[in-house]
Amino acid sequence: MNTTTKPNTAFWIIAVLAILWNIMGVYFWASEYFLMTEEMKAAMPPEQVELMNAAPSWNIVIYGIAVITGLLASVFLLMRKKIAVALFGISLLAVLIIQLYWTFAMDIVSVLGPQSLTMPLIVIALAVFEYFYSKGAARNGWIA
């Protein structure tokens, strides 16, 4: 039988912030692939639109997996369910595939400049944090 320990206040804050972060991820994914109009694309830098158009078709699926499993994992973390660890792991893997592909295969630095690395690095760092934090929460008995 699994026993759980009452998590500290930081756990609840981190779980809520993870949900908010992943809601933003789902929003940006949906905006980019389902809600973006031609007028919105016209307002963007042409280089960015060209990169978006050049992305492979599997990009939408892996990006969706990254953000949707991240959101589900965050919800399960808040519910104190151990499945959050596996879902954060899937999300992390998808994040790594997408961000590393964009960074190296699409060569965003040469197109958009070095500042274009900021967001991929933040996304990767937060995905790594979420995964290892959820593993720690399971180890501490906060989730079961």
Protein backbone atom coordinates (compact mmCIF):
# COMPACT_ATOMS: atom_id res chain seq x y z
CA MET A 1 0.00 0.00 0.00
CA ASN A 2 1.32 3.43 -0.91
CA THR A 3 1.30 6.05 1.78
CA THR A 4 1.44 9.71 1.05
CA THR A 5 2.90 12.50 3.07
CA LYS A 6 1.42 15.95 3.19
CA PRO A 7 3.37 18.15 0.75
CA ASN A 8 4.77 21.51 1.75
CA THR A 9 3.41 24.86 0.54
CA ALA A 10 6.03 25.09 -2.22
CA PHE A 11 4.58 21.92 -3.77
CA TRP A 12 1.17 23.55 -4.21
CA ILE A 13 2.68 26.75 -5.61
CA ILE A 14 4.84 24.82 -8.07
CA ALA A 15 1.90 22.63 -9.13
CA VAL A 16 -0.30 25.65 -9.83
CA LEU A 17 2.51 27.46 -11.68
CA ALA A 18 3.11 24.31 -13.75
CA ILE A 19 -0.56 24.26 -14.73
CA LEU A 20 -0.45 27.93 -15.73
CA TRP A 21 2.79 27.44 -17.73
CA ASN A 22 1.36 24.43 -19.55
CA ILE A 23 -1.94 26.19 -20.27
CA MET A 24 0.14 28.86 -22.00
CA GLY A 25 1.88 26.11 -23.97
CA VAL A 26 -1.42 24.64 -25.14
CA TYR A 27 -2.64 28.13 -26.02
CA PHE A 28 0.44 28.90 -28.14
CA TRP A 29 0.22 25.50 -29.86
CA ALA A 30 -3.46 26.00 -30.67
CA SER A 31 -2.82 29.59 -31.75
CA GLU A 32 -0.01 28.63 -34.09
CA TYR A 33 -1.72 25.69 -35.74
CA PHE A 34 -5.46 26.31 -35.48
CA LEU A 35 -6.21 29.95 -34.70
CA MET A 36 -3.63 31.92 -36.71
CA THR A 37 -5.11 33.95 -39.53
CA GLU A 38 -3.34 35.31 -42.58
CA GLU A 39 -3.61 38.79 -41.05
CA MET A 40 -1.76 37.58 -37.96
CA LYS A 41 0.95 36.01 -40.10
CA ALA A 42 1.28 39.25 -42.08
CA ALA A 43 2.08 41.10 -38.85
CA MET A 44 4.94 38.71 -38.02
CA PRO A 45 8.50 39.03 -39.31
CA PRO A 46 8.74 37.28 -42.71
CA GLU A 47 11.64 35.12 -41.48
CA GLN A 48 9.50 33.73 -38.67
CA VAL A 49 6.62 32.93 -41.03
CA GLU A 50 9.06 31.23 -43.41
CA LEU A 51 10.36 29.06 -40.55
CA MET A 52 6.82 28.14 -39.50
CA ASN A 53 5.94 27.18 -43.08
CA ALA A 54 9.13 25.14 -43.44
CA ALA A 55 8.45 23.06 -40.32
CA PRO A 56 7.82 19.37 -41.01
CA SER A 57 4.27 18.04 -40.76
CA TRP A 58 5.09 15.90 -37.70
CA ASN A 59 5.93 19.11 -35.80
CA ILE A 60 2.27 19.76 -34.96
CA VAL A 61 1.91 16.29 -33.42
CA ILE A 62 5.08 16.32 -31.31
CA TYR A 63 4.43 19.91 -30.19
CA GLY A 64 0.87 18.91 -29.24
CA ILE A 65 2.14 15.89 -27.30
CA ALA A 66 4.63 18.09 -25.46
CA VAL A 67 2.10 20.66 -24.30
CA ILE A 68 -0.93 18.43 -23.74
CA THR A 69 0.96 15.81 -21.72
CA GLY A 70 2.63 18.64 -19.80
CA LEU A 71 -0.77 20.09 -18.92
CA LEU A 72 -2.19 16.69 -17.96
CA ALA A 73 0.90 15.97 -15.87
CA SER A 74 0.50 19.30 -14.07
CA VAL A 75 -3.13 18.53 -13.28
CA PHE A 76 -2.20 15.06 -11.99
CA LEU A 77 0.60 16.60 -9.93
CA LEU A 78 -1.93 18.93 -8.32
CA MET A 79 -4.19 15.90 -7.74
CA ARG A 80 -1.15 14.15 -6.18
CA LYS A 81 -1.20 11.25 -8.66
CA LYS A 82 2.02 9.44 -9.54
CA ILE A 83 1.10 9.24 -13.23
CA ALA A 84 2.34 12.85 -13.35
CA VAL A 85 5.93 11.54 -13.42
CA ALA A 86 5.39 9.45 -16.56
CA LEU A 87 3.45 12.24 -18.29
CA PHE A 88 6.15 14.80 -17.46
CA GLY A 89 8.67 12.32 -18.89
CA ILE A 90 6.73 12.06 -22.16
CA SER A 91 6.39 15.84 -22.27
CA LEU A 92 10.13 16.30 -21.66
CA LEU A 93 11.00 13.88 -24.46
CA ALA A 94 8.66 15.69 -26.88
CA VAL A 95 10.03 19.09 -25.78
CA LEU A 96 13.58 17.92 -26.43
CA ILE A 97 12.66 16.61 -29.89
CA ILE A 98 10.91 19.84 -30.90
CA GLN A 99 13.33 22.34 -29.39
CA LEU A 100 16.49 20.57 -30.53
CA TYR A 101 15.04 20.12 -34.02
CA TRP A 102 14.15 23.81 -34.25
CA THR A 103 17.52 24.86 -32.87
CA PHE A 104 19.77 22.63 -34.94
CA ALA A 105 17.90 21.25 -37.96
CA MET A 106 15.93 24.43 -38.68
CA ASP A 107 18.93 26.56 -37.62
CA ILE A 108 16.85 29.31 -36.03
CA VAL A 109 19.94 31.17 -34.85
CA SER A 110 21.10 31.95 -38.38
CA VAL A 111 17.59 33.07 -39.36
CA LEU A 112 16.39 34.91 -36.24
CA GLY A 113 19.63 35.62 -34.38
CA PRO A 114 21.08 34.39 -31.07
CA GLN A 115 18.18 35.79 -29.03
CA SER A 116 16.03 33.07 -30.63
CA LEU A 117 17.68 30.55 -28.30
CA THR A 118 16.20 32.14 -25.19
CA MET A 119 12.74 30.59 -25.36
CA PRO A 120 13.87 27.06 -26.35
CA LEU A 121 16.31 27.06 -23.42
CA ILE A 122 13.61 28.24 -21.01
CA VAL A 123 11.17 25.60 -22.28
CA ILE A 124 13.76 22.82 -21.96
CA ALA A 125 14.83 23.97 -18.49
CA LEU A 126 11.23 24.06 -17.23
CA ALA A 127 10.42 20.65 -18.74
CA VAL A 128 13.50 19.16 -17.05
CA PHE A 129 12.52 20.84 -13.77
CA GLU A 130 8.92 19.57 -13.94
CA TYR A 131 10.06 16.01 -14.59
CA PHE A 132 12.65 15.86 -11.83
CA TYR A 133 10.44 17.76 -9.39
CA SER A 134 7.63 15.24 -9.94
CA LYS A 135 10.12 12.37 -9.40
CA GLY A 136 11.19 14.03 -6.15
CA ALA A 137 7.56 14.49 -5.12
CA ALA A 138 6.97 10.76 -5.69
CA ARG A 139 10.12 9.86 -3.75
CA ASN A 140 9.00 12.11 -0.86
CA GLY A 141 5.60 10.45 -0.79
CA TRP A 142 3.74 13.62 -1.82
CA ILE A 143 2.16 11.84 -4.77
CA ALA A 144 1.05 8.24 -5.02
